[in-house]
């Protein structure tokens, strides 16, 4: 899946995932996501086992 990288007014990068992907992945707003460099120009994203500190 390819997604467009967007930026907030403060310049922070983010991207949006369709709701059906979030449901399939069981991800929610505030979850911490690990970025794993596959060393081939791609990245694997997975939900972190570390608890989120977001309110």
N, C-alpha and C. Protein backbone atom coordinates (compact mmCIF):
# COMPACT_ATOMS: atom_id res chain seq x y z
N UNK A 1 0.85 -1.17 0.00
CA UNK A 1 0.00 0.00 0.00
C UNK A 1 0.89 1.23 0.00
N UNK A 2 0.58 2.20 -0.82
CA UNK A 2 1.29 3.46 -0.85
C UNK A 2 0.38 4.54 -0.30
N UNK A 3 0.95 5.43 0.51
CA UNK A 3 0.18 6.54 1.07
C UNK A 3 0.97 7.82 0.87
N UNK A 4 0.25 8.92 0.84
CA UNK A 4 0.88 10.24 0.70
C UNK A 4 1.30 10.73 2.08
N UNK A 5 2.53 11.23 2.18
CA UNK A 5 3.02 11.83 3.41
C UNK A 5 2.57 13.29 3.42
N UNK A 6 1.89 13.66 4.49
CA UNK A 6 1.40 15.04 4.65
C UNK A 6 2.18 15.70 5.78
N UNK A 7 2.02 16.99 5.95
CA UNK A 7 2.69 17.73 7.02
C UNK A 7 1.70 18.61 7.75
N UNK A 8 1.89 18.69 9.08
CA UNK A 8 1.07 19.60 9.88
C UNK A 8 1.58 21.02 9.66
N UNK A 9 0.87 21.99 10.23
CA UNK A 9 1.33 23.39 10.14
C UNK A 9 2.70 23.57 10.77
N UNK A 10 3.03 22.70 11.75
CA UNK A 10 4.34 22.76 12.41
C UNK A 10 5.42 21.99 11.67
N UNK A 11 5.05 21.36 10.54
CA UNK A 11 6.02 20.63 9.74
C UNK A 11 6.18 19.16 10.11
N UNK A 12 5.38 18.67 11.07
CA UNK A 12 5.47 17.26 11.46
C UNK A 12 4.82 16.39 10.37
N UNK A 13 5.55 15.35 9.97
CA UNK A 13 5.05 14.46 8.92
C UNK A 13 4.05 13.46 9.49
N UNK A 14 3.05 13.12 8.68
CA UNK A 14 2.07 12.11 9.07
C UNK A 14 1.43 11.54 7.81
N UNK A 15 0.72 10.43 7.96
CA UNK A 15 -0.06 9.88 6.86
C UNK A 15 -1.34 9.29 7.42
N UNK A 16 -2.31 9.14 6.56
CA UNK A 16 -3.61 8.62 6.95
C UNK A 16 -3.78 7.20 6.40
N UNK A 17 -4.39 6.34 7.20
CA UNK A 17 -4.73 4.99 6.76
C UNK A 17 -6.25 4.88 6.69
N UNK A 18 -6.76 4.21 5.67
CA UNK A 18 -8.22 4.03 5.58
C UNK A 18 -8.74 3.26 6.80
N UNK A 19 -9.97 3.57 7.20
CA UNK A 19 -10.58 2.95 8.39
C UNK A 19 -10.57 1.43 8.32
N UNK A 20 -10.77 0.86 7.13
CA UNK A 20 -10.80 -0.60 7.03
C UNK A 20 -9.44 -1.22 7.36
N UNK A 21 -8.36 -0.53 7.03
CA UNK A 21 -7.03 -1.02 7.40
C UNK A 21 -6.83 -0.93 8.91
N UNK A 22 -7.25 0.19 9.49
CA UNK A 22 -7.12 0.35 10.94
C UNK A 22 -7.89 -0.73 11.68
N UNK A 23 -9.08 -1.04 11.21
CA UNK A 23 -9.90 -2.08 11.84
C UNK A 23 -9.22 -3.45 11.71
N UNK A 24 -8.72 -3.77 10.51
CA UNK A 24 -8.04 -5.05 10.29
C UNK A 24 -6.79 -5.18 11.16
N UNK A 25 -6.07 -4.07 11.32
CA UNK A 25 -4.83 -4.08 12.11
C UNK A 25 -5.08 -3.97 13.61
N UNK A 26 -6.32 -3.58 13.97
CA UNK A 26 -6.68 -3.31 15.37
C UNK A 26 -5.84 -2.17 15.94
N UNK A 27 -5.60 -1.16 15.10
CA UNK A 27 -4.90 0.06 15.51
C UNK A 27 -5.94 1.13 15.82
N UNK A 28 -5.58 2.02 16.78
CA UNK A 28 -6.45 3.13 17.17
C UNK A 28 -5.61 4.40 17.27
N UNK A 29 -6.28 5.55 17.24
CA UNK A 29 -5.59 6.81 17.49
C UNK A 29 -4.86 6.72 18.82
N UNK A 30 -3.63 7.16 18.85
CA UNK A 30 -2.85 7.15 20.08
C UNK A 30 -1.95 5.94 20.22
N UNK A 31 -2.12 4.90 19.39
CA UNK A 31 -1.23 3.74 19.45
C UNK A 31 0.17 4.15 19.02
N UNK A 32 1.17 3.55 19.65
CA UNK A 32 2.54 3.76 19.23
C UNK A 32 2.87 2.74 18.15
N UNK A 33 3.46 3.22 17.07
CA UNK A 33 3.78 2.36 15.94
C UNK A 33 5.30 2.32 15.76
N UNK A 34 5.85 1.12 15.67
CA UNK A 34 7.28 0.94 15.43
C UNK A 34 7.53 0.97 13.92
N UNK A 35 8.58 1.68 13.52
CA UNK A 35 9.01 1.73 12.13
C UNK A 35 10.26 0.88 12.02
N UNK A 36 10.22 -0.17 11.21
CA UNK A 36 11.34 -1.09 11.06
C UNK A 36 11.88 -0.95 9.63
N UNK A 37 13.14 -0.54 9.52
CA UNK A 37 13.79 -0.36 8.23
C UNK A 37 14.15 -1.73 7.66
N UNK A 38 13.58 -2.08 6.52
CA UNK A 38 13.86 -3.37 5.88
C UNK A 38 15.17 -3.37 5.09
N UNK A 39 15.85 -2.22 5.08
CA UNK A 39 17.15 -2.06 4.41
C UNK A 39 17.09 -2.28 2.90
N UNK A 40 15.88 -2.18 2.34
CA UNK A 40 15.74 -2.32 0.89
C UNK A 40 14.89 -1.19 0.31
N UNK A 41 14.79 -0.09 1.08
CA UNK A 41 13.98 1.05 0.66
C UNK A 41 12.54 0.98 1.13
N UNK A 42 12.20 -0.08 1.87
CA UNK A 42 10.84 -0.21 2.39
C UNK A 42 10.88 -0.26 3.91
N UNK A 43 9.72 -0.07 4.50
CA UNK A 43 9.58 -0.07 5.95
C UNK A 43 8.44 -0.98 6.35
N UNK A 44 8.57 -1.62 7.49
CA UNK A 44 7.50 -2.40 8.09
C UNK A 44 7.00 -1.61 9.30
N UNK A 45 5.69 -1.47 9.43
CA UNK A 45 5.10 -0.78 10.57
C UNK A 45 4.37 -1.81 11.40
N UNK A 46 4.54 -1.74 12.72
CA UNK A 46 3.78 -2.63 13.60
C UNK A 46 3.47 -1.89 14.90
N UNK A 47 2.37 -2.28 15.48
CA UNK A 47 1.95 -1.69 16.75
C UNK A 47 2.96 -2.05 17.82
N UNK A 48 3.39 -1.06 18.58
CA UNK A 48 4.38 -1.28 19.64
C UNK A 48 3.76 -1.99 20.83
N UNK A 49 4.56 -2.82 21.47
CA UNK A 49 4.10 -3.48 22.70
C UNK A 49 4.28 -2.57 23.90
N UNK A 50 4.94 -1.42 23.71
CA UNK A 50 5.13 -0.44 24.77
C UNK A 50 3.86 0.39 24.88
N UNK A 51 3.36 0.60 26.09
CA UNK A 51 2.13 1.36 26.30
C UNK A 51 2.30 2.81 25.86
N UNK A 52 1.27 3.36 25.26
CA UNK A 52 1.26 4.75 24.83
C UNK A 52 1.15 5.66 26.03
N UNK A 53 1.82 6.83 25.93
CA UNK A 53 1.71 7.83 26.99
C UNK A 53 0.72 8.93 26.59
N UNK A 54 0.04 8.74 25.45
CA UNK A 54 -0.93 9.75 24.98
C UNK A 54 -2.15 9.78 25.90
N UNK A 55 -2.70 10.97 26.10
CA UNK A 55 -3.90 11.12 26.93
C UNK A 55 -5.13 10.71 26.19
